[in-house]
N, C-alpha and C. Protein backbone atom coordinates (compact mmCIF):
# COMPACT_ATOMS: atom_id res chain seq x y z
N MET A 1 140.73 161.73 52.72
CA MET A 1 140.74 160.73 52.38
C MET A 1 141.71 160.02 52.41
N ASP A 2 142.23 159.03 53.53
CA ASP A 2 143.40 158.29 53.33
C ASP A 2 143.66 156.82 51.93
N GLU A 3 144.45 156.55 51.76
CA GLU A 3 144.93 155.32 50.71
C GLU A 3 144.26 154.59 50.24
N GLN A 4 143.71 153.92 51.48
CA GLN A 4 142.79 152.53 51.76
C GLN A 4 141.38 153.00 51.76
N GLU A 5 140.33 154.53 51.77
CA GLU A 5 139.45 154.64 51.92
C GLU A 5 139.52 155.04 50.11
N LEU A 6 140.48 155.16 49.95
CA LEU A 6 140.68 155.57 48.48
C LEU A 6 140.06 154.87 47.49
N LEU A 7 141.11 153.70 47.75
CA LEU A 7 141.00 152.20 46.94
C LEU A 7 139.63 152.06 47.28
N ARG A 8 138.53 152.15 48.25
CA ARG A 8 137.76 151.16 48.11
C ARG A 8 136.25 152.47 47.26
N THR A 9 136.69 153.20 47.26
CA THR A 9 135.90 153.72 45.77
C THR A 9 136.18 153.29 43.93
N VAL A 10 137.05 152.43 44.38
CA VAL A 10 137.43 151.52 42.61
C VAL A 10 136.61 150.46 42.84
N PRO A 11 135.45 150.12 42.05
CA PRO A 11 134.50 149.23 42.17
C PRO A 11 134.95 148.10 42.57
N ILE A 12 135.99 147.48 41.77
CA ILE A 12 137.14 146.10 41.45
C ILE A 12 137.11 145.84 42.76
N PHE A 13 137.27 146.92 43.96
CA PHE A 13 138.12 146.56 45.26
C PHE A 13 136.67 146.61 46.17
N ALA A 14 135.66 146.42 45.85
CA ALA A 14 134.56 146.77 46.60
C ALA A 14 134.47 145.39 47.78
N GLU A 15 135.11 144.07 46.94
CA GLU A 15 134.68 143.10 47.97
C GLU A 15 136.03 142.50 48.59
N LEU A 16 137.09 143.41 48.82
CA LEU A 16 138.33 143.06 49.57
C LEU A 16 138.16 143.20 50.88
N SER A 17 138.87 142.71 52.09
CA SER A 17 138.64 142.75 52.74
C SER A 17 140.47 143.62 53.88
N ASP A 18 139.58 144.28 55.09
CA ASP A 18 140.45 145.31 55.50
C ASP A 18 141.69 145.05 55.41
N ALA A 19 142.39 143.73 55.24
CA ALA A 19 144.19 143.15 55.52
C ALA A 19 144.07 143.58 53.92
N ASP A 20 143.45 143.25 52.68
CA ASP A 20 144.09 143.38 51.58
C ASP A 20 143.61 144.34 50.62
N ILE A 21 143.01 144.92 51.83
CA ILE A 21 142.82 147.08 51.14
C ILE A 21 144.05 147.22 52.03
N ALA A 22 144.58 147.24 52.80
CA ALA A 22 145.71 147.48 53.87
C ALA A 22 147.29 146.58 52.31
N SER A 23 146.84 145.82 52.45
CA SER A 23 147.91 145.51 51.63
C SER A 23 148.18 146.07 50.17
N LEU A 24 147.41 146.03 49.27
CA LEU A 24 147.34 146.76 47.98
C LEU A 24 147.28 148.26 48.04
N SER A 25 147.18 149.16 49.40
CA SER A 25 147.61 150.20 49.39
C SER A 25 148.97 150.42 49.63
N ARG A 26 149.91 149.49 49.99
CA ARG A 26 151.63 149.61 49.76
C ARG A 26 151.82 149.54 48.65
N LEU A 27 151.07 148.34 48.04
CA LEU A 27 151.50 148.00 46.17
C LEU A 27 151.14 149.67 45.39
N ALA A 28 150.32 150.23 45.50
CA ALA A 28 149.41 151.46 44.78
C ALA A 28 150.32 152.67 44.70
N THR A 29 150.51 153.21 43.49
CA THR A 29 151.06 154.64 43.67
C THR A 29 150.15 155.60 43.06
N ARG A 30 150.17 156.57 43.76
CA ARG A 30 149.06 157.70 43.45
C ARG A 30 149.77 158.94 42.20
N ARG A 31 149.00 158.76 41.08
CA ARG A 31 149.64 159.76 40.17
C ARG A 31 148.84 160.90 39.84
N ARG A 32 149.28 162.62 39.81
CA ARG A 32 148.48 163.50 38.99
C ARG A 32 149.22 163.47 37.66
N TYR A 33 147.98 163.84 36.54
CA TYR A 33 148.35 164.28 35.45
C TYR A 33 147.79 165.19 34.92
N PRO A 34 148.29 166.68 34.64
CA PRO A 34 147.41 168.05 34.38
C PRO A 34 146.52 167.54 33.11
N LYS A 35 145.78 168.42 32.82
CA LYS A 35 144.55 168.29 31.89
C LYS A 35 145.29 168.55 30.34
N ASP A 36 145.05 167.82 29.47
CA ASP A 36 145.81 167.62 28.01
C ASP A 36 146.89 166.56 28.49
N THR A 37 147.67 165.99 29.67
CA THR A 37 148.72 164.85 29.60
C THR A 37 148.23 163.91 29.16
N VAL A 38 149.44 162.68 28.67
CA VAL A 38 149.23 161.91 27.53
C VAL A 38 149.76 161.07 28.83
N VAL A 39 148.72 159.88 29.25
CA VAL A 39 149.28 158.59 30.45
C VAL A 39 150.09 157.72 29.63
N PHE A 40 150.01 157.09 28.51
CA PHE A 40 150.40 156.05 27.60
C PHE A 40 150.17 156.69 26.30
N PHE A 41 151.01 155.67 25.30
CA PHE A 41 150.61 156.36 23.99
C PHE A 41 150.07 154.83 23.21
N GLU A 42 149.50 154.44 22.57
CA GLU A 42 149.59 153.34 21.47
C GLU A 42 150.96 152.51 20.97
N ASN A 43 150.85 151.39 21.47
CA ASN A 43 152.26 150.92 21.06
C ASN A 43 153.27 150.56 21.23
N GLU A 44 153.01 151.42 22.78
CA GLU A 44 154.18 151.34 24.38
C GLU A 44 154.05 150.32 24.75
N GLU A 45 154.96 149.79 24.77
CA GLU A 45 154.77 148.51 26.19
C GLU A 45 153.95 149.23 27.62
N GLY A 46 153.25 147.96 27.79
CA GLY A 46 152.72 148.32 28.92
C GLY A 46 153.01 147.87 30.40
N ASP A 47 153.19 148.52 31.31
CA ASP A 47 153.86 148.33 32.37
C ASP A 47 152.89 148.43 33.46
N PHE A 48 152.03 149.39 33.67
CA PHE A 48 151.25 150.01 34.73
C PHE A 48 149.86 149.66 34.29
N PHE A 49 148.70 149.01 35.39
CA PHE A 49 147.30 149.37 35.44
C PHE A 49 146.97 150.37 36.24
N PHE A 50 146.00 151.11 35.45
CA PHE A 50 145.47 152.43 35.92
C PHE A 50 143.88 152.17 36.77
N MET A 51 143.92 153.13 37.61
CA MET A 51 141.94 153.52 38.59
C MET A 51 141.87 154.66 38.00
N ILE A 52 141.40 155.38 38.31
CA ILE A 52 140.91 156.53 38.38
C ILE A 52 140.07 156.89 39.42
N LEU A 53 140.41 157.63 39.97
CA LEU A 53 140.32 158.55 41.27
C LEU A 53 139.72 159.81 41.18
N GLU A 54 139.87 160.87 40.38
CA GLU A 54 139.07 162.09 40.14
C GLU A 54 139.81 162.60 38.56
N GLY A 55 139.05 163.11 37.70
CA GLY A 55 139.30 163.31 36.72
C GLY A 55 138.33 162.79 35.54
N ARG A 56 138.90 162.68 34.32
CA ARG A 56 138.26 161.88 32.80
C ARG A 56 139.60 161.29 32.23
N ILE A 57 139.34 160.31 31.35
CA ILE A 57 140.55 159.93 30.35
C ILE A 57 139.56 159.37 29.56
N LYS A 58 140.73 159.74 27.81
CA LYS A 58 139.57 159.90 26.99
C LYS A 58 140.95 158.55 26.42
N VAL A 59 140.33 157.43 26.10
CA VAL A 59 141.12 156.29 25.60
C VAL A 59 140.69 156.57 24.02
N THR A 60 141.68 156.59 23.09
CA THR A 60 141.52 157.38 21.39
C THR A 60 142.61 156.16 20.99
N ILE A 61 142.46 156.43 19.50
CA ILE A 61 142.90 156.08 18.55
C ILE A 61 143.41 156.37 17.52
N LEU A 62 144.19 156.66 16.73
CA LEU A 62 144.51 157.86 15.54
C LEU A 62 144.96 156.67 14.67
N GLY A 63 144.16 157.85 12.85
CA GLY A 63 144.04 157.06 11.91
C GLY A 63 145.59 157.03 10.90
N ASP A 64 145.62 156.74 9.87
CA ASP A 64 146.87 156.69 9.41
C ASP A 64 146.48 158.13 8.46
N ASP A 65 145.75 158.56 8.31
CA ASP A 65 145.47 159.75 7.97
C ASP A 65 145.10 161.40 9.07
N GLY A 66 145.27 160.94 10.18
CA GLY A 66 146.00 161.78 11.12
C GLY A 66 144.25 161.91 12.39
N ARG A 67 143.04 161.74 11.83
CA ARG A 67 141.90 161.38 12.35
C ARG A 67 141.75 160.98 13.67
N GLU A 68 141.27 161.10 14.37
CA GLU A 68 141.09 160.33 15.99
C GLU A 68 139.92 159.75 16.41
N VAL A 69 140.06 158.99 16.98
CA VAL A 69 138.70 157.87 17.09
C VAL A 69 138.92 157.34 18.43
N ILE A 70 137.85 158.81 19.16
CA ILE A 70 137.17 158.03 20.45
C ILE A 70 136.37 156.95 20.94
N LEU A 71 137.80 155.90 21.45
CA LEU A 71 137.09 154.88 21.53
C LEU A 71 135.85 154.56 22.87
N SER A 72 136.85 155.58 24.03
CA SER A 72 135.76 155.69 25.47
C SER A 72 136.19 156.83 26.38
N ILE A 73 135.19 157.48 26.81
CA ILE A 73 135.97 158.58 27.75
C ILE A 73 135.23 157.66 29.73
N LEU A 74 136.57 157.88 30.13
CA LEU A 74 136.26 157.20 31.75
C LEU A 74 136.31 158.08 32.54
N GLY A 75 135.44 157.91 33.33
CA GLY A 75 135.70 158.92 34.85
C GLY A 75 135.95 158.14 36.11
N PRO A 76 135.27 158.74 37.57
CA PRO A 76 136.25 158.05 38.78
C PRO A 76 135.47 156.92 38.87
N GLY A 77 136.31 155.98 39.27
CA GLY A 77 135.75 154.46 39.69
C GLY A 77 136.09 153.82 38.45
N ASP A 78 136.08 153.84 37.44
CA ASP A 78 136.66 153.48 35.84
C ASP A 78 138.54 152.76 36.02
N PHE A 79 138.60 151.93 35.62
CA PHE A 79 140.06 151.21 35.51
C PHE A 79 140.36 151.15 33.49
N PHE A 80 141.60 151.17 33.44
CA PHE A 80 142.15 151.25 32.11
C PHE A 80 143.83 150.36 32.32
N GLY A 81 144.31 150.84 30.74
CA GLY A 81 145.21 149.86 30.79
C GLY A 81 145.67 148.32 31.30
N GLU A 82 144.60 147.72 31.19
CA GLU A 82 144.53 146.09 31.48
C GLU A 82 144.96 145.02 30.49
N MET A 83 144.71 145.85 29.25
CA MET A 83 145.00 144.49 28.27
C MET A 83 146.65 143.98 27.88
N ALA A 84 147.37 145.12 28.39
CA ALA A 84 148.85 144.77 28.11
C ALA A 84 149.33 144.13 29.07
N LEU A 85 148.80 144.15 30.07
CA LEU A 85 149.53 143.39 31.10
C LEU A 85 148.36 141.87 31.04
N LEU A 86 147.09 141.71 30.51
CA LEU A 86 146.72 140.38 30.53
C LEU A 86 147.42 139.66 29.29
N ASP A 87 147.81 140.56 28.10
CA ASP A 87 148.03 139.58 27.14
C ASP A 87 149.83 139.51 26.63
N ASN A 88 150.19 140.46 27.14
CA ASN A 88 151.71 141.00 27.31
C ASN A 88 151.70 141.37 25.52
N GLU A 89 150.24 142.12 24.91
CA GLU A 89 151.25 142.57 23.80
C GLU A 89 151.16 144.60 24.21
N PRO A 90 151.84 145.14 22.86
CA PRO A 90 151.55 146.50 23.19
C PRO A 90 150.16 147.21 23.27
N ARG A 91 150.61 148.23 24.57
CA ARG A 91 149.12 149.04 24.48
C ARG A 91 148.49 149.48 22.87
N SER A 92 146.84 149.42 23.03
CA SER A 92 146.29 148.94 21.87
C SER A 92 145.83 150.34 21.49
N ALA A 93 145.85 151.16 22.43
CA ALA A 93 145.31 152.43 22.22
C ALA A 93 146.21 153.74 23.34
N THR A 94 145.77 155.19 22.76
CA THR A 94 146.21 156.25 24.11
C THR A 94 145.30 156.33 24.55
N ALA A 95 145.66 156.86 25.69
CA ALA A 95 144.87 157.14 27.04
C ALA A 95 145.38 158.80 27.21
N ILE A 96 144.50 159.80 27.35
CA ILE A 96 144.86 161.16 27.74
C ILE A 96 144.00 161.84 28.90
N ALA A 97 144.61 162.75 29.74
CA ALA A 97 143.76 163.07 30.57
C ALA A 97 143.09 164.59 30.07
N ILE A 98 142.00 164.29 29.99
CA ILE A 98 140.90 165.30 29.48
C ILE A 98 140.60 166.45 30.33
N GLU A 99 140.90 166.08 31.79
CA GLU A 99 140.58 166.68 33.20
C GLU A 99 141.69 166.98 33.81
N ASP A 100 142.18 167.73 34.85
CA ASP A 100 143.01 167.73 35.83
C ASP A 100 143.28 166.43 36.67
N SER A 101 143.49 164.88 36.65
CA SER A 101 143.14 163.48 37.30
C SER A 101 144.53 163.29 38.07
N GLU A 102 143.25 162.47 38.41
CA GLU A 102 144.33 161.23 39.99
C GLU A 102 144.28 160.09 39.61
N LEU A 103 145.56 159.59 38.76
CA LEU A 103 145.32 158.52 39.11
C LEU A 103 146.08 157.24 40.19
N ILE A 104 145.49 155.64 40.31
CA ILE A 104 146.09 155.35 41.42
C ILE A 104 146.62 153.99 40.33
N SER A 105 148.38 153.42 40.31
CA SER A 105 148.82 152.83 39.40
C SER A 105 149.24 151.77 39.81
N LEU A 106 148.88 150.43 39.17
CA LEU A 106 149.58 149.47 39.57
C LEU A 106 150.82 148.47 38.81
N HIS A 107 151.86 148.25 39.09
CA HIS A 107 152.96 147.55 38.20
C HIS A 107 152.63 146.45 37.73
N ARG A 108 152.73 145.91 36.36
CA ARG A 108 152.36 144.92 36.25
C ARG A 108 152.72 143.54 37.05
N THR A 109 153.86 143.61 37.60
CA THR A 109 153.88 142.06 38.96
C THR A 109 152.98 142.78 39.90
N ASP A 110 152.59 143.32 40.46
CA ASP A 110 152.12 143.90 41.44
C ASP A 110 150.36 143.59 41.27
N PHE A 111 150.03 143.77 39.66
CA PHE A 111 148.85 143.70 39.26
C PHE A 111 148.54 141.80 39.47
N GLN A 112 148.96 141.35 38.56
CA GLN A 112 148.89 139.96 38.30
C GLN A 112 148.96 139.19 39.76
N THR A 113 149.72 139.72 40.88
CA THR A 113 149.48 138.88 41.94
C THR A 113 148.26 138.93 43.22
N VAL A 114 147.86 140.65 42.53
CA VAL A 114 146.68 140.80 43.13
C VAL A 114 145.52 140.18 42.45
N LEU A 115 146.06 140.07 41.09
CA LEU A 115 144.46 139.06 40.16
C LEU A 115 145.07 137.21 40.60
N THR A 116 146.08 136.74 41.22
CA THR A 116 146.06 135.50 41.58
C THR A 116 145.58 135.02 43.31
N ASP A 117 145.62 136.11 43.61
CA ASP A 117 145.33 136.34 45.56
C ASP A 117 144.14 136.10 45.51
N ASN A 118 143.45 137.00 44.86
CA ASN A 118 141.97 137.80 45.22
C ASN A 118 140.83 137.17 43.95
N ARG A 119 140.00 136.39 44.14
CA ARG A 119 138.79 136.12 43.03
C ARG A 119 138.18 136.81 43.33
N SER A 120 137.53 138.10 44.02
CA SER A 120 136.80 138.68 43.85
C SER A 120 136.91 140.05 43.44
N ILE A 121 138.15 140.26 42.54
CA ILE A 121 139.01 140.97 41.51
C ILE A 121 139.39 140.35 40.41
N THR A 122 139.13 139.45 40.09
CA THR A 122 139.49 138.76 39.14
C THR A 122 137.64 138.59 38.59
N SER A 123 136.98 138.05 39.25
CA SER A 123 135.51 138.13 38.58
C SER A 123 135.24 139.22 38.68
N ALA A 124 135.16 140.81 39.11
CA ALA A 124 135.21 141.58 39.12
C ALA A 124 135.55 142.22 37.56
N LEU A 125 136.91 142.03 37.24
CA LEU A 125 137.28 142.58 35.81
C LEU A 125 136.56 141.33 35.02
N ILE A 126 136.50 140.77 34.95
CA ILE A 126 135.61 139.50 34.29
C ILE A 126 134.55 140.30 33.80
N LYS A 127 133.03 140.54 35.14
CA LYS A 127 132.54 141.55 34.30
C LYS A 127 132.18 142.86 33.56
N ILE A 128 133.19 143.37 34.19
CA ILE A 128 132.93 145.02 33.35
C ILE A 128 133.87 144.60 32.27
N LEU A 129 135.17 143.73 32.24
CA LEU A 129 135.40 143.67 30.54
C LEU A 129 134.48 142.89 29.66
N SER A 130 133.29 142.42 30.13
CA SER A 130 132.37 142.00 29.47
C SER A 130 131.61 143.20 28.74
N GLN A 131 131.14 143.78 29.59
CA GLN A 131 130.71 145.35 29.43
C GLN A 131 131.03 145.93 28.90
N ARG A 132 132.53 146.17 28.58
CA ARG A 132 132.75 147.33 27.32
C ARG A 132 133.05 146.19 26.77
N LEU A 133 132.53 144.69 25.97
CA LEU A 133 132.95 144.02 24.76
C LEU A 133 131.33 144.37 24.43
N ARG A 134 130.79 144.09 24.66
CA ARG A 134 129.22 144.49 24.84
C ARG A 134 129.26 145.71 24.27
N HIS A 135 129.80 147.22 24.97
CA HIS A 135 129.47 148.30 24.62
C HIS A 135 130.22 148.41 22.89
N ALA A 136 131.37 148.04 23.05
CA ALA A 136 132.11 147.58 21.69
C ALA A 136 131.34 147.21 20.64
N ASN A 137 130.75 146.50 20.87
CA ASN A 137 129.62 145.58 19.85
C ASN A 137 128.53 146.63 19.30
N GLN A 138 128.03 147.07 20.58
CA GLN A 138 126.80 147.83 19.87
C GLN A 138 127.38 149.02 19.28
N GLN A 139 129.20 150.08 19.69
CA GLN A 139 129.67 151.05 18.96
C GLN A 139 129.66 150.64 17.13
N ILE A 140 129.90 149.24 16.75
CA ILE A 140 130.20 148.88 15.75
C ILE A 140 128.83 148.64 14.75
N SER A 141 128.36 148.32 15.78
CA SER A 141 126.60 147.64 15.05
C SER A 141 125.80 149.42 14.46
N THR A 142 126.24 150.09 15.68
CA THR A 142 125.67 151.69 15.51
C THR A 142 126.89 152.63 14.31
N LEU A 143 127.66 152.36 14.34
CA LEU A 143 128.39 153.01 12.96
C LEU A 143 128.32 151.92 11.76
N ALA A 144 127.82 150.71 11.46
CA ALA A 144 127.58 149.82 10.72
C ALA A 144 126.12 150.12 9.84
N LEU A 145 125.50 150.51 10.69
CA LEU A 145 123.64 150.08 10.89
C LEU A 145 123.22 151.37 10.89
N LEU A 146 124.06 153.03 11.56
CA LEU A 146 122.96 153.73 11.42
C LEU A 146 123.61 154.71 10.87
N ASP A 147 123.06 155.95 10.37
CA ASP A 147 123.21 156.92 9.47
C ASP A 147 123.91 157.78 10.48
N VAL A 148 123.92 159.59 9.89
CA VAL A 148 124.83 160.12 10.53
C VAL A 148 124.08 160.70 11.71
N TYR A 149 122.84 160.95 11.16
CA TYR A 149 121.75 161.39 12.36
C TYR A 149 121.98 160.45 13.18
N GLY A 150 120.99 158.91 13.73
CA GLY A 150 121.49 158.10 13.90
C GLY A 150 123.01 158.42 14.70
N ARG A 151 123.66 157.90 14.66
CA ARG A 151 124.83 157.65 15.62
C ARG A 151 124.79 159.46 15.95
N VAL A 152 124.88 160.45 15.99
CA VAL A 152 124.71 161.12 16.87
C VAL A 152 123.93 161.22 17.95
N ALA A 153 122.54 160.82 17.64
CA ALA A 153 121.35 160.45 18.71
C ALA A 153 121.92 158.95 19.51
N ARG A 154 122.67 158.11 19.29
CA ARG A 154 122.75 157.33 20.13
C ARG A 154 124.61 157.40 21.18
N VAL A 155 125.05 158.50 20.28
CA VAL A 155 126.49 159.01 21.35
C VAL A 155 124.95 159.61 22.30
N ILE A 156 124.42 161.26 21.96
CA ILE A 156 123.67 161.32 23.23
C ILE A 156 123.07 160.38 24.26
N VAL A 157 122.36 159.55 23.77
CA VAL A 157 121.68 157.96 24.84
C VAL A 157 122.96 157.92 25.81
N ASP A 158 123.68 157.51 25.07
CA ASP A 158 125.00 156.48 26.29
C ASP A 158 125.62 157.31 26.38
N MET A 159 125.38 159.02 26.60
CA MET A 159 126.36 159.48 27.51
C MET A 159 125.02 160.23 28.65
N ALA A 160 123.53 160.36 28.30
CA ALA A 160 123.03 160.30 29.28
C ALA A 160 122.68 159.22 30.46
N ARG A 161 123.11 157.89 29.42
CA ARG A 161 122.56 156.68 30.36
C ARG A 161 123.91 156.50 31.34
N GLU A 162 125.31 156.88 30.84
CA GLU A 162 126.78 156.70 31.76
C GLU A 162 126.90 158.23 32.46
N GLU A 163 126.11 159.47 32.30
CA GLU A 163 126.58 159.81 33.32
C GLU A 163 125.74 160.95 33.12
N GLY A 164 124.44 160.89 33.21
CA GLY A 164 123.67 161.63 33.54
C GLY A 164 122.63 161.63 35.31
N ARG A 165 122.35 162.69 35.33
CA ARG A 165 121.24 162.69 36.48
C ARG A 165 119.80 163.60 36.05
N ARG A 166 118.85 162.44 36.81
CA ARG A 166 117.82 162.70 36.59
C ARG A 166 117.12 164.24 37.19
N LEU A 167 116.31 165.06 36.87
CA LEU A 167 116.25 166.56 36.89
C LEU A 167 114.40 165.82 37.77
N LYS A 168 114.31 167.15 38.44
CA LYS A 168 112.62 166.29 39.32
C LYS A 168 111.91 166.37 38.21
N ASP A 169 111.98 167.12 36.72
CA ASP A 169 111.24 167.44 35.74
C ASP A 169 111.42 166.16 34.82
N GLY A 170 111.86 164.94 35.24
CA GLY A 170 112.15 163.92 34.63
C GLY A 170 113.06 164.40 33.35
N ARG A 171 113.55 164.88 32.98
CA ARG A 171 114.85 165.21 31.82
C ARG A 171 116.16 164.84 32.63
N ILE A 172 117.11 164.42 31.50
CA ILE A 172 118.35 163.95 31.92
C ILE A 172 119.36 165.24 31.74
N ALA A 173 120.13 165.44 32.84
CA ALA A 173 121.43 166.22 32.19
C ALA A 173 122.58 165.87 32.55
N PHE A 174 123.60 166.08 32.38
CA PHE A 174 124.76 165.43 31.71
C PHE A 174 125.95 166.50 31.11
N ARG A 175 127.20 166.00 31.64
CA ARG A 175 128.13 167.14 30.60
C ARG A 175 127.78 167.44 29.40
N ARG A 176 128.20 168.31 28.37
CA ARG A 176 128.09 168.72 27.41
C ARG A 176 129.87 168.31 26.79
N ALA A 177 129.39 167.25 26.01
CA ALA A 177 131.01 167.34 24.99
C ALA A 177 130.97 168.18 24.11
N THR A 178 131.77 168.45 23.43
CA THR A 178 132.23 169.39 22.72
C THR A 178 132.00 168.59 21.02
N HIS A 179 130.96 169.73 20.39
CA HIS A 179 131.16 168.88 18.85
C HIS A 179 132.05 168.78 18.24
N GLN A 180 133.31 168.30 19.02
CA GLN A 180 134.35 167.49 17.75
C GLN A 180 134.74 166.31 18.72
N GLU A 181 134.27 166.30 20.20
CA GLU A 181 134.42 165.03 20.72
C GLU A 181 133.45 163.96 20.15
N ILE A 182 132.26 164.39 19.99
CA ILE A 182 131.28 163.41 19.37
C ILE A 182 131.76 163.31 18.12
N ALA A 183 132.27 164.31 16.93
CA ALA A 183 132.87 163.58 16.09
C ALA A 183 133.51 162.52 16.00
N ASN A 184 134.21 162.82 16.69
CA ASN A 184 135.24 161.35 17.25
C ASN A 184 135.19 160.32 17.07
N ARG A 185 133.90 160.36 18.16
CA ARG A 185 133.18 159.69 18.87
C ARG A 185 132.94 158.30 17.63
N ILE A 186 132.12 158.74 16.21
CA ILE A 186 131.25 158.55 15.86
C ILE A 186 132.06 158.57 13.86
N GLY A 187 132.98 159.25 13.67
CA GLY A 187 134.05 159.01 12.54
C GLY A 187 133.32 159.99 11.31
N THR A 188 132.90 161.35 11.69
CA THR A 188 132.36 162.45 11.04
C THR A 188 133.06 163.78 11.16
N THR A 189 132.22 164.77 11.02
CA THR A 189 133.25 165.70 10.89
C THR A 189 132.02 167.02 12.44
N ARG A 190 133.21 167.56 12.57
CA ARG A 190 132.70 168.36 13.81
C ARG A 190 131.70 169.39 12.92
N GLU A 191 131.13 170.17 11.36
CA GLU A 191 130.15 170.62 11.20
C GLU A 191 128.96 169.71 11.45
N THR A 192 129.35 168.38 10.47
CA THR A 192 127.86 167.97 10.29
C THR A 192 127.21 167.28 11.89
N VAL A 193 127.63 167.41 12.94
CA VAL A 193 127.21 167.15 14.23
C VAL A 193 126.82 168.31 14.66
N THR A 194 127.66 169.94 14.18
CA THR A 194 126.68 170.73 14.79
C THR A 194 125.42 170.97 13.93
N ARG A 195 125.26 170.68 12.95
CA ARG A 195 123.87 170.36 12.09
C ARG A 195 122.91 169.49 12.99
N MET A 196 123.55 168.83 13.04
CA MET A 196 122.69 167.78 13.84
C MET A 196 121.88 168.19 15.19
N LEU A 197 122.49 168.29 16.06
CA LEU A 197 122.59 169.14 16.95
C LEU A 197 121.53 170.08 17.08
N LYS A 198 121.30 170.85 16.32
CA LYS A 198 121.05 172.13 16.20
C LYS A 198 119.34 171.33 15.45
N ASP A 199 118.83 170.44 15.04
CA ASP A 199 117.77 170.29 14.60
C ASP A 199 117.14 169.73 15.71
N LEU A 200 117.89 168.83 16.32
CA LEU A 200 117.72 168.04 17.57
C LEU A 200 117.47 169.35 18.95
N GLU A 201 117.71 170.11 19.13
CA GLU A 201 117.57 171.38 19.10
C GLU A 201 116.04 172.22 19.12
N ARG A 202 115.78 172.21 17.89
CA ARG A 202 114.80 172.64 16.87
C ARG A 202 113.61 171.81 17.28
N GLN A 203 114.05 170.54 17.73
CA GLN A 203 112.94 169.55 17.70
C GLN A 203 112.40 169.44 19.06
N GLY A 204 112.99 170.31 19.96
CA GLY A 204 112.95 170.80 21.51
C GLY A 204 112.96 168.94 22.41
N LEU A 205 113.90 168.14 21.50
CA LEU A 205 114.65 166.86 22.19
C LEU A 205 115.96 167.59 22.69
N ILE A 206 116.75 167.82 22.95
CA ILE A 206 117.83 168.62 23.60
C ILE A 206 117.71 170.08 23.81
N HIS A 207 118.43 170.15 24.89
CA HIS A 207 118.58 171.72 25.14
C HIS A 207 120.18 171.74 26.24
N VAL A 208 121.50 173.07 25.69
CA VAL A 208 122.29 173.26 26.29
C VAL A 208 122.00 173.91 27.43
N GLU A 209 122.32 173.66 28.39
CA GLU A 209 122.35 174.78 29.23
C GLU A 209 123.44 174.72 30.67
N GLY A 210 124.10 176.06 29.95
CA GLY A 210 126.06 175.99 30.78
C GLY A 210 126.70 174.84 30.01
N LYS A 211 127.46 174.46 31.01
CA LYS A 211 128.23 173.10 30.94
C LYS A 211 127.72 172.16 30.67
N GLU A 212 126.38 172.15 31.04
CA GLU A 212 125.66 170.75 30.70
C GLU A 212 124.62 170.76 29.50
N MET A 213 124.34 169.46 28.47
CA MET A 213 123.07 169.11 27.97
C MET A 213 121.98 168.54 28.85
N VAL A 214 120.44 168.72 28.36
CA VAL A 214 119.92 168.35 28.95
C VAL A 214 118.73 167.33 28.29
N VAL A 215 118.25 166.58 28.28
CA VAL A 215 117.22 165.55 26.98
C VAL A 215 116.01 165.10 27.91
N GLN A 216 115.24 165.60 27.18
CA GLN A 216 113.89 164.77 27.55
C GLN A 216 113.82 163.94 27.86
N PRO A 217 112.38 163.22 28.53
CA PRO A 217 112.86 161.63 28.95
C PRO A 217 112.53 160.73 28.42
N ASP A 218 111.56 161.43 26.83
CA ASP A 218 111.44 160.09 26.37
C ASP A 218 112.56 160.07 25.26
N PHE A 219 113.62 160.62 25.39
CA PHE A 219 114.51 161.06 23.94
C PHE A 219 115.29 159.42 23.86
N GLU A 220 115.26 158.59 24.75
CA GLU A 220 116.53 157.32 24.11
C GLU A 220 115.47 156.59 23.88
N LYS A 221 113.95 156.82 24.29
CA LYS A 221 112.73 155.98 23.08
C LYS A 221 112.45 156.40 22.21
N VAL A 222 112.84 157.34 21.49
CA VAL A 222 112.91 157.85 20.26
C VAL A 222 113.55 157.21 19.24
N PHE A 223 114.93 157.21 19.74
CA PHE A 223 116.04 156.66 19.36
C PHE A 223 116.30 155.11 19.64
N ASP A 224 116.04 154.32 20.53
CA ASP A 224 116.20 152.94 20.82
C ASP A 224 115.54 152.50 19.39
């Protein structure tokens, strides 16, 4: 797949003309990041906008006590790093490749030119940022209003919706996150998550199959 075809896989570029895609491909740079490589650190100056072609990126912050809080896990078609380019403030979080990943990057100047020249990208960007704000509001509500059991269930529901595929029997299968990853999403300990997941398995609501977690079709109705 050539550069222009790859750019077409990024949703915010879906409405661009062939000529605009060709121009964009001349500005974009492809970069590979091995697993566990830091793309950028919190509080760094932000000069690049990133789009994911392959792999997954963890967006995270570290507390003063060293504990990690995962803000989001992003995959192919997602983008990140736009905030520092829009408000000229330092990076608000750290981005780390949690799989071998291939990214497309645009320098600040090129990113701002693309936004100015293409209303469709600006509209798509606003739509996705609004969706992320809604998700952030939901996360805040979850942390504030639900007990630990409810928070674990909420993470599973979110992952099933975002990453899951429907099986023939109606169940939903998705990537099995580590217990530590789930704990870091909801501000609790790995041991607590392990206990909660075992309880959900005993109830027959979830099942682990290799590298995937499978949930019953009515799981989200139970916890919504």
